[in-house]
N, C-alpha and C. Protein backbone atom coordinates (compact mmCIF):
# COMPACT_ATOMS: atom_id res chain seq x y z
N MET A 1 58.54 6.43 5.69
CA MET A 1 57.61 6.44 6.67
C MET A 1 56.24 7.39 6.33
N LYS A 2 56.81 8.43 5.81
CA LYS A 2 55.66 9.48 5.72
C LYS A 2 54.97 9.05 4.29
N ARG A 3 55.49 8.26 3.36
CA ARG A 3 54.73 7.83 2.20
C ARG A 3 53.60 6.83 2.50
N PHE A 4 53.66 6.53 3.67
CA PHE A 4 52.62 5.34 4.02
C PHE A 4 51.28 6.06 4.72
N LEU A 5 51.72 7.39 5.24
CA LEU A 5 50.62 8.04 6.00
C LEU A 5 49.51 8.57 5.17
N LEU A 6 49.86 8.68 3.98
CA LEU A 6 48.71 9.16 3.07
C LEU A 6 47.78 8.10 2.68
N PRO A 7 48.34 7.27 2.40
CA PRO A 7 47.26 5.84 2.00
C PRO A 7 46.58 5.56 3.26
N LEU A 8 47.12 5.55 4.34
CA LEU A 8 46.55 5.13 5.62
C LEU A 8 45.53 6.19 6.01
N GLY A 9 46.00 7.47 5.81
CA GLY A 9 44.69 8.37 6.10
C GLY A 9 43.55 8.24 5.18
N LEU A 10 43.88 7.90 3.93
CA LEU A 10 42.69 7.87 3.09
C LEU A 10 41.76 6.59 3.45
N PHE A 11 42.36 5.59 3.59
CA PHE A 11 41.81 4.25 4.17
C PHE A 11 40.89 4.64 5.36
N LEU A 12 41.50 5.37 6.42
CA LEU A 12 40.62 5.48 7.65
C LEU A 12 39.35 6.58 7.29
N VAL A 13 39.53 7.48 6.30
CA VAL A 13 38.38 8.27 5.98
C VAL A 13 37.45 7.49 5.27
N LEU A 14 37.83 6.57 4.29
CA LEU A 14 36.81 5.69 3.60
C LEU A 14 36.11 4.81 4.59
N ALA A 15 36.90 4.31 5.64
CA ALA A 15 36.38 3.25 6.64
C ALA A 15 35.34 4.22 7.31
N LEU A 16 35.51 5.32 7.72
CA LEU A 16 34.55 6.10 8.52
C LEU A 16 33.43 6.31 7.88
N PHE A 17 33.58 6.68 6.62
CA PHE A 17 32.18 6.74 5.37
C PHE A 17 31.49 5.61 5.49
N LEU A 18 32.28 4.46 5.33
CA LEU A 18 31.57 3.12 5.14
C LEU A 18 30.93 2.86 6.54
N ALA A 19 31.39 3.01 7.58
CA ALA A 19 30.96 2.73 9.13
C ALA A 19 29.59 3.59 8.90
N ILE A 20 29.48 4.77 8.83
CA ILE A 20 28.44 5.83 8.82
C ILE A 20 27.26 5.26 7.98
N GLY A 21 27.51 4.83 6.45
CA GLY A 21 26.80 4.45 5.51
C GLY A 21 26.03 3.12 6.11
N LEU A 22 26.87 2.29 6.78
CA LEU A 22 26.18 1.00 7.26
C LEU A 22 25.14 1.20 8.42
N LYS A 23 25.23 2.32 9.13
CA LYS A 23 24.14 2.65 10.16
C LYS A 23 22.97 3.29 9.62
N LEU A 24 23.00 3.54 8.46
CA LEU A 24 21.74 4.28 7.94
C LEU A 24 20.68 3.37 7.37
N ASP A 25 19.64 3.69 7.71
CA ASP A 25 18.35 3.03 7.23
C ASP A 25 17.85 3.44 5.74
N PRO A 26 18.06 2.50 4.94
CA PRO A 26 17.73 2.80 3.42
C PRO A 26 16.30 3.12 3.34
N ARG A 27 15.47 2.83 4.23
CA ARG A 27 14.07 3.22 4.07
C ARG A 27 13.87 4.92 4.48
N GLU A 28 14.86 5.22 5.10
CA GLU A 28 14.70 6.77 5.46
C GLU A 28 15.62 7.62 4.51
N VAL A 29 15.44 7.37 3.23
CA VAL A 29 15.94 8.07 2.22
C VAL A 29 15.38 9.66 2.20
N PRO A 30 16.11 10.63 2.50
CA PRO A 30 15.24 11.93 2.58
C PRO A 30 14.81 12.44 1.09
N SER A 31 13.57 12.99 1.21
CA SER A 31 12.97 13.42 0.30
C SER A 31 12.97 15.03 0.01
N PRO A 32 13.30 15.42 -1.26
CA PRO A 32 13.25 16.93 -1.25
C PRO A 32 12.04 17.41 -1.27
N LEU A 33 10.90 16.48 -1.29
CA LEU A 33 9.56 17.05 -1.55
C LEU A 33 8.95 17.31 -0.20
N VAL A 34 9.54 16.67 1.00
CA VAL A 34 8.94 16.62 2.40
C VAL A 34 9.05 18.37 2.64
N GLY A 35 7.78 18.90 3.08
CA GLY A 35 7.70 20.25 3.38
C GLY A 35 7.49 21.19 2.20
N LYS A 36 7.18 20.68 1.13
CA LYS A 36 6.86 21.15 -0.24
C LYS A 36 5.59 20.81 -0.68
N PRO A 37 4.85 21.54 -1.62
CA PRO A 37 3.34 21.34 -2.14
C PRO A 37 3.56 19.77 -2.81
N ALA A 38 2.59 18.94 -2.74
CA ALA A 38 2.46 17.94 -3.46
C ALA A 38 2.48 18.25 -5.08
N PRO A 39 3.26 17.49 -5.86
CA PRO A 39 3.13 17.75 -7.28
C PRO A 39 1.74 17.76 -7.74
N GLY A 40 1.30 18.49 -8.61
CA GLY A 40 -0.02 18.45 -9.12
C GLY A 40 -0.19 17.48 -10.08
N PHE A 41 -1.28 17.04 -10.48
CA PHE A 41 -1.59 15.95 -11.63
C PHE A 41 -3.05 15.77 -11.86
N GLN A 42 -3.40 15.20 -13.12
CA GLN A 42 -4.90 15.19 -13.29
C GLN A 42 -4.78 13.83 -14.23
N ALA A 43 -5.34 12.86 -13.20
CA ALA A 43 -5.48 11.65 -14.04
C ALA A 43 -6.63 10.80 -13.89
N PRO A 44 -6.89 9.92 -14.77
CA PRO A 44 -8.07 9.10 -14.43
C PRO A 44 -8.15 8.07 -13.41
N ALA A 45 -9.18 7.85 -12.58
CA ALA A 45 -9.37 6.85 -11.54
C ALA A 45 -9.07 5.47 -12.35
N LEU A 46 -8.42 4.62 -11.40
CA LEU A 46 -8.12 3.30 -12.05
C LEU A 46 -9.62 2.57 -12.47
N GLY A 47 -10.57 2.78 -11.47
CA GLY A 47 -11.87 1.85 -11.59
C GLY A 47 -12.76 2.43 -12.57
N ARG A 48 -12.52 3.84 -12.50
CA ARG A 48 -13.68 4.76 -13.48
C ARG A 48 -12.86 5.78 -14.16
N PRO A 49 -12.40 5.19 -15.40
CA PRO A 49 -11.51 6.07 -16.33
C PRO A 49 -12.35 7.39 -16.88
N GLU A 50 -13.49 7.18 -16.71
CA GLU A 50 -14.11 8.80 -16.84
C GLU A 50 -13.85 9.71 -15.97
N THR A 51 -13.55 9.43 -14.65
CA THR A 51 -13.66 10.37 -13.57
C THR A 51 -12.18 10.65 -13.40
N THR A 52 -11.99 11.96 -13.32
CA THR A 52 -10.57 12.58 -13.07
C THR A 52 -10.23 12.74 -11.70
N ILE A 53 -9.08 12.62 -11.30
CA ILE A 53 -8.62 12.82 -9.63
C ILE A 53 -7.41 13.98 -9.94
N LYS A 54 -7.71 14.80 -8.90
CA LYS A 54 -6.46 16.01 -8.78
C LYS A 54 -6.14 16.04 -7.44
N PRO A 55 -4.94 16.24 -6.95
CA PRO A 55 -4.73 16.60 -5.64
C PRO A 55 -5.51 17.88 -5.09
N ASP A 56 -5.65 18.74 -6.14
CA ASP A 56 -6.36 20.15 -5.71
C ASP A 56 -7.86 19.70 -5.04
N ASP A 57 -8.23 18.72 -5.39
CA ASP A 57 -9.75 18.22 -4.97
C ASP A 57 -9.83 17.60 -3.61
N LEU A 58 -8.45 17.46 -3.13
CA LEU A 58 -8.30 17.06 -1.56
C LEU A 58 -7.98 18.14 -0.80
N LEU A 59 -7.61 19.21 -1.06
CA LEU A 59 -7.27 20.30 -0.07
C LEU A 59 -8.39 20.40 0.97
N GLY A 60 -7.83 20.89 2.08
CA GLY A 60 -8.60 20.72 3.29
C GLY A 60 -8.72 19.57 4.18
N LYS A 61 -8.29 18.21 3.57
CA LYS A 61 -8.30 17.28 4.29
C LYS A 61 -6.73 16.50 4.30
N VAL A 62 -6.21 15.85 5.40
CA VAL A 62 -5.15 15.20 5.55
C VAL A 62 -5.43 13.71 4.70
N TRP A 63 -4.41 13.34 4.01
CA TRP A 63 -4.56 11.96 3.31
C TRP A 63 -3.34 11.35 2.94
N LEU A 64 -3.47 10.17 2.59
CA LEU A 64 -2.29 9.15 2.21
C LEU A 64 -2.41 9.14 0.98
N LEU A 65 -1.17 8.99 0.41
CA LEU A 65 -0.97 8.51 -1.17
C LEU A 65 -0.10 7.42 -1.18
N ASN A 66 -0.50 6.11 -1.42
CA ASN A 66 0.07 5.01 -1.52
C ASN A 66 0.35 4.39 -2.85
N VAL A 67 1.70 4.18 -3.18
CA VAL A 67 1.94 3.96 -4.63
C VAL A 67 2.29 2.61 -4.67
N TRP A 68 1.50 1.75 -5.50
CA TRP A 68 1.58 0.37 -5.47
C TRP A 68 1.46 -0.32 -7.01
N ALA A 69 1.58 -1.39 -7.06
CA ALA A 69 1.18 -2.04 -8.22
C ALA A 69 0.79 -3.69 -8.16
N SER A 70 0.24 -4.16 -9.03
CA SER A 70 0.05 -5.43 -8.99
C SER A 70 1.19 -6.50 -8.86
N TRP A 71 2.19 -6.02 -9.93
CA TRP A 71 3.35 -6.79 -10.01
C TRP A 71 4.45 -6.81 -8.75
N CYS A 72 4.27 -5.86 -7.72
CA CYS A 72 4.96 -5.77 -6.79
C CYS A 72 4.63 -6.78 -5.50
N GLY A 73 5.84 -7.54 -5.23
CA GLY A 73 5.74 -8.25 -4.12
C GLY A 73 5.68 -7.80 -2.81
N ALA A 74 6.62 -6.59 -2.53
CA ALA A 74 6.18 -6.03 -1.31
C ALA A 74 5.07 -5.13 -1.16
N CYS A 75 4.33 -4.94 -2.09
CA CYS A 75 2.83 -4.43 -2.04
C CYS A 75 1.87 -5.42 -1.39
N ARG A 76 2.33 -6.62 -1.80
CA ARG A 76 1.42 -7.87 -1.16
C ARG A 76 1.60 -7.83 0.22
N ASP A 77 2.79 -7.78 0.78
CA ASP A 77 3.31 -7.60 2.04
C ASP A 77 2.22 -6.55 2.90
N GLU A 78 2.23 -5.27 2.44
CA GLU A 78 1.77 -4.22 2.83
C GLU A 78 0.25 -4.17 2.80
N HIS A 79 -0.30 -4.83 1.71
CA HIS A 79 -1.77 -4.64 1.40
C HIS A 79 -2.56 -5.05 2.69
N PRO A 80 -2.72 -6.10 3.40
CA PRO A 80 -3.30 -6.21 4.52
C PRO A 80 -3.33 -5.28 5.68
N VAL A 81 -2.35 -4.63 5.81
CA VAL A 81 -2.06 -3.57 6.84
C VAL A 81 -2.80 -2.45 6.44
N LEU A 82 -2.83 -2.05 5.14
CA LEU A 82 -3.56 -0.86 4.41
C LEU A 82 -5.23 -1.32 4.53
N VAL A 83 -5.57 -2.62 4.39
CA VAL A 83 -6.92 -2.53 4.20
C VAL A 83 -7.57 -2.58 5.77
N GLU A 84 -6.80 -3.00 6.67
CA GLU A 84 -7.15 -2.92 8.18
C GLU A 84 -7.11 -1.41 8.48
N PHE A 85 -6.44 -0.71 8.15
CA PHE A 85 -5.96 0.80 8.53
C PHE A 85 -7.10 1.47 7.95
N SER A 86 -7.51 1.18 6.70
CA SER A 86 -8.59 1.94 6.01
C SER A 86 -9.89 1.64 6.82
N ARG A 87 -10.16 0.49 7.30
CA ARG A 87 -11.34 0.40 8.10
C ARG A 87 -11.51 1.25 9.18
N ARG A 88 -10.63 1.57 9.69
CA ARG A 88 -10.50 2.81 10.79
C ARG A 88 -11.12 4.05 10.40
N LYS A 89 -11.04 4.19 9.06
CA LYS A 89 -11.42 5.77 8.40
C LYS A 89 -10.85 6.93 9.09
N LEU A 90 -9.57 6.67 9.45
CA LEU A 90 -8.73 8.10 10.24
C LEU A 90 -8.56 9.05 9.08
N VAL A 91 -7.90 8.58 7.99
CA VAL A 91 -7.74 9.38 6.73
C VAL A 91 -8.11 8.70 5.42
N PRO A 92 -8.40 9.51 4.37
CA PRO A 92 -8.56 8.96 3.21
C PRO A 92 -7.30 8.29 2.88
N ILE A 93 -7.33 7.17 2.18
CA ILE A 93 -6.04 6.52 1.25
C ILE A 93 -6.34 6.83 0.09
N TYR A 94 -5.56 7.18 -0.74
CA TYR A 94 -5.49 7.36 -2.23
C TYR A 94 -4.47 6.43 -2.75
N GLY A 95 -4.91 5.78 -3.64
CA GLY A 95 -3.59 4.84 -4.38
C GLY A 95 -3.15 5.41 -5.66
N LEU A 96 -1.93 5.12 -5.97
CA LEU A 96 -1.29 5.50 -7.21
C LEU A 96 -0.91 4.02 -7.75
N ASN A 97 -1.70 3.85 -8.79
CA ASN A 97 -1.29 2.54 -9.47
C ASN A 97 -0.24 2.87 -10.40
N TYR A 98 0.81 2.26 -10.13
CA TYR A 98 2.14 2.66 -10.85
C TYR A 98 2.59 1.69 -11.85
N LYS A 99 2.94 2.10 -12.89
CA LYS A 99 3.23 1.40 -14.12
C LYS A 99 2.69 0.06 -14.07
N ASP A 100 1.32 0.01 -14.37
CA ASP A 100 0.59 -1.13 -14.23
C ASP A 100 -0.39 -1.59 -15.46
N LYS A 101 -1.03 -2.37 -15.60
CA LYS A 101 -2.10 -2.59 -16.45
C LYS A 101 -3.36 -2.48 -15.88
N ARG A 102 -4.34 -1.59 -16.47
CA ARG A 102 -5.66 -1.34 -15.64
C ARG A 102 -6.27 -2.72 -15.19
N GLU A 103 -6.39 -3.58 -15.88
CA GLU A 103 -7.06 -4.82 -15.52
C GLU A 103 -6.43 -5.48 -14.71
N ASP A 104 -4.88 -5.47 -14.59
CA ASP A 104 -4.41 -6.12 -13.44
C ASP A 104 -4.46 -5.40 -12.22
N GLY A 105 -4.59 -4.22 -12.16
CA GLY A 105 -4.70 -3.36 -10.86
C GLY A 105 -5.95 -3.57 -10.28
N LEU A 106 -7.26 -3.88 -11.37
CA LEU A 106 -8.39 -4.00 -10.82
C LEU A 106 -8.60 -5.21 -10.34
N GLY A 107 -7.95 -6.26 -11.07
CA GLY A 107 -7.97 -7.70 -10.26
C GLY A 107 -7.47 -7.67 -9.30
N TRP A 108 -6.42 -7.15 -9.01
CA TRP A 108 -5.52 -7.04 -7.58
C TRP A 108 -6.26 -6.73 -6.50
N LEU A 109 -7.28 -5.49 -6.71
CA LEU A 109 -8.12 -5.08 -5.76
C LEU A 109 -9.24 -6.05 -5.44
N THR A 110 -9.61 -6.58 -6.39
CA THR A 110 -10.89 -7.42 -6.25
C THR A 110 -10.31 -8.64 -5.48
N LYS A 111 -9.30 -9.11 -5.73
CA LYS A 111 -8.72 -10.29 -4.93
C LYS A 111 -8.29 -10.17 -3.60
N PHE A 112 -7.69 -8.99 -3.37
CA PHE A 112 -7.01 -8.61 -1.85
C PHE A 112 -7.77 -7.54 -1.12
N GLY A 113 -8.73 -6.82 -1.81
CA GLY A 113 -9.59 -5.91 -0.97
C GLY A 113 -8.93 -4.46 -1.62
N ASN A 114 -9.91 -3.63 -1.04
CA ASN A 114 -9.74 -2.26 -1.67
C ASN A 114 -9.49 -1.34 -0.45
N PRO A 115 -8.29 -0.86 -0.03
CA PRO A 115 -8.20 0.13 1.07
C PRO A 115 -8.33 1.41 0.49
N TYR A 116 -8.54 1.91 -0.84
CA TYR A 116 -8.40 3.03 -1.11
C TYR A 116 -9.81 3.79 -1.53
N THR A 117 -9.69 5.03 -1.26
CA THR A 117 -10.88 5.78 -1.29
C THR A 117 -11.00 5.86 -2.96
N GLU A 118 -9.88 6.08 -3.56
CA GLU A 118 -9.78 6.02 -5.27
C GLU A 118 -8.30 5.70 -5.44
N SER A 119 -8.20 4.95 -6.60
CA SER A 119 -6.74 4.86 -7.13
C SER A 119 -6.70 5.72 -8.59
N VAL A 120 -5.43 6.26 -8.65
CA VAL A 120 -5.16 6.95 -9.79
C VAL A 120 -4.51 5.92 -10.57
N PHE A 121 -4.77 6.08 -11.76
CA PHE A 121 -4.15 5.08 -12.77
C PHE A 121 -2.90 5.79 -13.38
N ASP A 122 -1.60 5.31 -13.14
CA ASP A 122 -0.25 6.02 -13.77
C ASP A 122 0.24 5.04 -14.56
N PRO A 123 -0.20 4.63 -15.80
CA PRO A 123 0.56 3.57 -16.48
C PRO A 123 1.95 3.77 -16.94
N GLU A 124 2.34 4.82 -17.33
CA GLU A 124 3.75 5.08 -17.65
C GLU A 124 4.77 5.63 -16.44
N GLY A 125 4.10 5.70 -15.43
CA GLY A 125 4.88 6.30 -14.05
C GLY A 125 5.26 7.80 -14.12
N ARG A 126 4.46 8.58 -14.86
CA ARG A 126 4.83 9.98 -15.01
C ARG A 126 4.85 10.72 -13.75
N ILE A 127 3.47 10.34 -13.12
CA ILE A 127 3.20 10.90 -11.65
C ILE A 127 4.22 10.62 -10.93
N GLY A 128 4.44 9.14 -10.72
CA GLY A 128 5.47 8.72 -9.79
C GLY A 128 6.79 9.46 -9.90
N ILE A 129 7.25 9.76 -11.04
CA ILE A 129 8.55 10.38 -11.24
C ILE A 129 8.41 11.84 -10.71
N ASP A 130 7.13 12.68 -11.03
CA ASP A 130 7.04 13.96 -10.34
C ASP A 130 7.17 13.77 -8.60
N TYR A 131 6.63 12.65 -8.31
CA TYR A 131 6.57 12.33 -6.57
C TYR A 131 8.11 11.86 -6.26
N GLY A 132 8.88 11.87 -7.10
CA GLY A 132 10.26 11.06 -6.73
C GLY A 132 10.32 9.62 -6.23
N VAL A 133 9.40 8.69 -6.85
CA VAL A 133 9.11 7.53 -6.47
C VAL A 133 10.52 6.66 -6.75
N TYR A 134 11.14 6.11 -6.04
CA TYR A 134 12.32 5.07 -6.38
C TYR A 134 11.75 3.65 -6.45
N GLY A 135 10.65 3.42 -6.22
CA GLY A 135 10.19 1.92 -6.32
C GLY A 135 8.91 1.87 -5.64
N VAL A 136 8.17 0.66 -5.71
CA VAL A 136 6.97 0.33 -5.04
C VAL A 136 7.28 -0.54 -3.73
N PRO A 137 6.45 -0.32 -2.74
CA PRO A 137 5.55 0.74 -2.43
C PRO A 137 6.15 1.85 -1.77
N GLU A 138 5.49 2.85 -1.92
CA GLU A 138 5.92 4.13 -1.25
C GLU A 138 4.63 4.89 -0.75
N THR A 139 4.76 5.57 0.54
CA THR A 139 3.64 6.15 0.69
C THR A 139 3.98 7.54 1.48
N PHE A 140 3.22 8.51 1.02
CA PHE A 140 3.13 10.09 1.29
C PHE A 140 2.28 10.60 2.16
N VAL A 141 2.47 11.13 3.13
CA VAL A 141 1.38 11.89 4.06
C VAL A 141 1.28 13.25 3.58
N ILE A 142 0.00 13.70 3.02
CA ILE A 142 -0.26 15.08 2.59
C ILE A 142 -1.23 15.79 3.41
N ASP A 143 -0.84 16.98 4.04
CA ASP A 143 -1.53 17.92 4.93
C ASP A 143 -2.75 18.47 4.16
N ARG A 144 -3.65 19.23 5.11
CA ARG A 144 -4.73 19.98 4.60
C ARG A 144 -4.31 21.07 3.60
N ALA A 145 -3.00 21.76 3.59
CA ALA A 145 -2.87 22.51 2.52
C ALA A 145 -2.08 21.99 1.44
N GLY A 146 -2.20 20.67 1.23
CA GLY A 146 -1.56 20.15 0.11
C GLY A 146 0.05 19.79 0.22
N VAL A 147 0.68 20.08 1.25
CA VAL A 147 1.98 20.01 1.44
C VAL A 147 2.35 18.46 2.09
N ILE A 148 3.34 17.84 1.33
CA ILE A 148 3.83 16.55 1.87
C ILE A 148 4.76 16.74 3.23
N ARG A 149 4.25 16.15 3.92
CA ARG A 149 4.72 16.05 5.40
C ARG A 149 5.63 14.80 5.75
N TYR A 150 5.55 13.79 5.03
CA TYR A 150 6.30 12.47 5.23
C TYR A 150 6.30 11.68 3.99
N LYS A 151 7.29 11.06 4.06
CA LYS A 151 7.48 10.06 2.86
C LYS A 151 8.03 8.75 3.41
N HIS A 152 7.41 7.56 3.16
CA HIS A 152 7.92 6.13 3.69
C HIS A 152 8.27 5.42 2.35
N ILE A 153 9.46 4.81 2.36
CA ILE A 153 9.76 4.08 1.46
C ILE A 153 9.71 2.55 1.81
N GLY A 154 9.13 1.75 1.01
CA GLY A 154 8.79 0.33 1.46
C GLY A 154 7.63 0.06 1.87
N PRO A 155 7.24 -1.18 2.27
CA PRO A 155 5.79 -1.58 2.67
C PRO A 155 5.54 -0.99 3.97
N ILE A 156 4.41 -0.39 4.47
CA ILE A 156 3.88 -0.23 5.64
C ILE A 156 3.87 -1.40 6.41
N THR A 157 4.34 -1.36 7.72
CA THR A 157 4.11 -2.68 8.66
C THR A 157 3.30 -1.88 9.79
N PRO A 158 2.60 -2.79 10.51
CA PRO A 158 1.79 -2.43 11.79
C PRO A 158 2.78 -1.48 12.76
N GLU A 159 4.14 -1.68 12.64
CA GLU A 159 5.10 -0.93 13.58
C GLU A 159 5.25 0.36 13.08
N VAL A 160 5.30 0.56 11.67
CA VAL A 160 5.44 1.88 10.90
C VAL A 160 4.10 2.84 11.23
N LEU A 161 3.05 2.02 11.07
CA LEU A 161 1.75 2.61 11.28
C LEU A 161 1.70 3.26 12.37
N ARG A 162 1.96 2.28 13.62
CA ARG A 162 1.93 2.79 14.95
C ARG A 162 2.88 3.73 15.34
N ASP A 163 4.04 3.42 14.86
CA ASP A 163 4.92 4.38 15.42
C ASP A 163 5.41 5.92 14.63
N LYS A 164 4.98 5.65 13.70
CA LYS A 164 5.41 6.98 12.56
C LYS A 164 4.29 7.54 11.92
N LEU A 165 3.27 6.84 11.37
CA LEU A 165 2.23 7.35 10.57
C LEU A 165 0.99 7.80 11.48
N GLU A 166 0.64 6.92 12.49
CA GLU A 166 -0.60 7.38 13.23
C GLU A 166 -0.14 8.65 14.21
N PRO A 167 1.02 8.76 14.83
CA PRO A 167 1.13 9.89 15.64
C PRO A 167 1.23 11.25 14.69
N LEU A 168 1.60 11.19 13.40
CA LEU A 168 1.79 12.23 12.48
C LEU A 168 0.47 12.59 11.93
N LEU A 169 -0.46 11.66 11.83
CA LEU A 169 -1.75 11.87 11.27
C LEU A 169 -2.53 12.51 12.38
N ARG A 170 -2.43 11.92 13.55
CA ARG A 170 -3.24 12.64 14.60
C ARG A 170 -2.69 14.18 15.04
N LYS A 171 -1.45 14.45 14.80
CA LYS A 171 -0.85 15.83 14.81
C LYS A 171 -1.58 16.62 13.88
N LEU A 172 -1.60 16.34 12.58
CA LEU A 172 -2.02 16.95 11.34
C LEU A 172 -3.55 17.19 11.71
N ASN A 173 -4.37 16.06 12.16
CA ASN A 173 -5.76 16.43 12.07
C ASN A 173 -6.24 17.11 13.22
N ALA A 174 -5.31 17.39 14.34
CA ALA A 174 -5.77 18.13 15.48
C ALA A 174 -6.18 19.59 15.06
């Protein structure tokens, strides 16, 4: 009888971990960067390669960094939400054009609209690696001191905007 208790106990522990894991939201992957300074970079703008963009230039304002690519299907779903949100001018939205070709990224913005104050061109994904990007789209909220306050994995929906991003942005801009 005792020889069956150990396998049964192991099975129950594994079942418990599985049950807990199934209740987790995969979009809520904790980021070790939340609460820490946003990684620095110096990169060309997508549409103006002669212009360099750095996060240090944005100190003193709350802003969003949205990681996107022209080849990303989920980015297409999120894009109209970002375009509409950008019209409200609550905060500047900066894009990070991730592992893309410059002409494809520019074509995407021409075709679907440009919600970004500026887009940073990251063709090899090095900046994305520094930000811990798992895949596109991902969005970061960065405060006035240059600290990452929130990371959203996946497309921004109207609900995410209303329930998570806007309340945080109002608080940070107060």
